[in-house]
Structures are given as structure tokens and as C-alpha cells.
Protein backbone atom coordinates (compact mmCIF):
# COMPACT_ATOMS: atom_id res chain seq x y z
CA UNK A 1 67.96 -43.99 -47.45
CA UNK A 2 65.73 -46.47 -49.48
CA UNK A 3 63.54 -45.50 -52.55
CA UNK A 4 60.35 -47.58 -53.70
CA UNK A 5 58.33 -47.07 -56.48
CA UNK A 6 54.62 -48.25 -55.80
CA UNK A 7 52.05 -47.47 -58.27
CA UNK A 8 52.45 -44.08 -59.39
CA UNK A 9 53.79 -43.24 -55.31
CA UNK A 10 57.62 -43.26 -54.58
CA UNK A 11 57.89 -44.46 -51.07
CA UNK A 12 60.90 -42.56 -49.36
CA UNK A 13 62.47 -43.86 -45.82
CA UNK A 14 65.63 -43.60 -44.27
CA UNK A 15 67.24 -43.46 -40.44
CA UNK A 16 69.23 -41.39 -38.46
CA UNK A 17 72.04 -42.58 -35.68
CA UNK A 18 70.20 -41.52 -31.87
CA UNK A 19 72.85 -39.50 -31.25
CA UNK A 20 72.17 -37.12 -34.02
CA UNK A 21 70.12 -34.15 -33.22
CA UNK A 22 67.64 -33.24 -35.88
CA UNK A 23 65.37 -29.91 -36.06
CA UNK A 24 63.91 -31.45 -39.27
CA UNK A 25 64.49 -32.89 -42.91
CA UNK A 26 64.11 -31.83 -46.12
CA UNK A 27 62.75 -34.15 -48.91
CA UNK A 28 64.06 -32.78 -52.28
CA UNK A 29 63.62 -34.02 -55.78
CA UNK A 30 65.00 -33.39 -59.41
CA UNK A 31 64.43 -34.52 -62.76
CA UNK A 32 68.29 -33.72 -63.51
CA UNK A 33 70.11 -34.53 -60.98
CA UNK A 34 71.42 -31.14 -60.36
CA UNK A 35 68.46 -28.62 -59.55
CA UNK A 36 66.65 -29.99 -56.74
CA UNK A 37 62.92 -29.07 -55.20
CA UNK A 38 61.69 -29.62 -51.89
CA UNK A 39 58.58 -31.81 -51.99
CA UNK A 40 58.43 -32.96 -48.13
CA UNK A 41 59.33 -31.49 -44.60
CA UNK A 42 59.68 -34.17 -41.99
CA UNK A 43 59.87 -33.20 -38.37
CA UNK A 44 62.73 -34.47 -36.44
CA UNK A 45 62.57 -37.37 -33.38
CA UNK A 46 60.81 -36.48 -29.96
CA UNK A 47 64.52 -35.89 -27.53
CA UNK A 48 61.46 -37.68 -25.52
CA UNK A 49 61.57 -40.76 -26.83
CA UNK A 50 64.62 -42.51 -27.80
CA UNK A 51 63.02 -45.39 -30.49
CA UNK A 52 62.29 -42.38 -33.09
CA UNK A 53 64.87 -42.58 -35.50
CA UNK A 54 62.74 -44.08 -38.66
CA UNK A 55 61.27 -41.82 -40.99
CA UNK A 56 59.51 -42.04 -44.34
CA UNK A 57 57.26 -39.87 -46.53
CA UNK A 58 55.59 -40.30 -50.22
CA UNK A 59 55.75 -38.19 -53.08
CA UNK A 60 53.36 -38.91 -56.02
CA UNK A 61 54.81 -38.73 -59.75
CA UNK A 62 54.05 -38.41 -62.61
CA UNK A 63 55.68 -39.70 -65.73
CA UNK A 64 56.87 -36.35 -67.39
CA UNK A 65 60.30 -38.16 -67.22
CA UNK A 66 61.72 -41.33 -67.14
CA UNK A 67 63.95 -40.64 -63.86
CA UNK A 68 63.70 -38.49 -60.72
CA UNK A 69 66.30 -38.00 -58.26
CA UNK A 70 66.08 -37.97 -54.41
CA UNK A 71 68.10 -36.34 -51.68
CA UNK A 72 67.27 -36.09 -48.21
CA UNK A 73 69.06 -32.54 -46.21
CA UNK A 74 68.84 -32.99 -42.66
CA UNK A 75 69.05 -29.57 -40.47
CA UNK A 76 69.96 -30.20 -37.05
CA UNK A 77 68.94 -28.36 -33.94
CA UNK A 78 71.76 -25.98 -34.12
CA UNK A 79 70.93 -24.93 -38.05
CA UNK A 80 73.91 -27.12 -39.39
CA UNK A 81 73.00 -29.01 -42.73
CA UNK A 82 73.84 -32.31 -44.16
CA UNK A 83 73.26 -34.08 -47.67
CA UNK A 84 72.44 -37.25 -48.09
CA UNK A 85 73.53 -39.36 -51.05
CA UNK A 86 71.28 -38.43 -54.29
CA UNK A 87 69.56 -41.89 -55.63
CA UNK A 88 68.00 -42.19 -58.88
CA UNK A 89 64.88 -43.86 -59.72
CA UNK A 90 64.35 -44.79 -63.30
CA UNK A 91 60.54 -45.26 -64.25
CA UNK A 92 59.47 -48.24 -66.76
């Protein structure tokens, strides 16, 4: 997945394999890279559509810290959970 800052917002984008069954995603953020809090819920693709494998959301940031950490929590239709890698965003 990718993160990019645009003014006071963070654009978060990711994609999945079309073969994965997705119920929903949770986008999680942390100030220390250890304790994460959900900042967005994103519904999975409509199974009737084959082209819905790209996802995204926007997170507002406050300059209360100089680093933010993000990860994506994937919840499949059977209740299974997978976490993405953790990405760090450093504010200038």
C-alpha cells in the first residue's frame, strides 16, 4: 500500500488480489508504531464486479507529532484477519 501527504491530509491507497475475499478493511494509525487506532473503515469489493480491487481513504493530520505509522487490517468474509506491513510517514 502507499501513503502520501497532501497539505494536511494523508492519502492512503492499496490494492488486493482479485482472488481474495474481502468483507472490509480497517485503516489503522499510530503515533509510536506499536499502539494502533482505527481511523477508517472501507468496505470490500462487490463480488459481482471484477474490477474493484483498488481502495483508498484520506486521513486528516494534526502536527502534534512528527511521525505517523499506518497499517491496513484486512478482514475476509470468513472472519480471518491479516495485517499489512507498517508504513511510516515523517512530517517536515
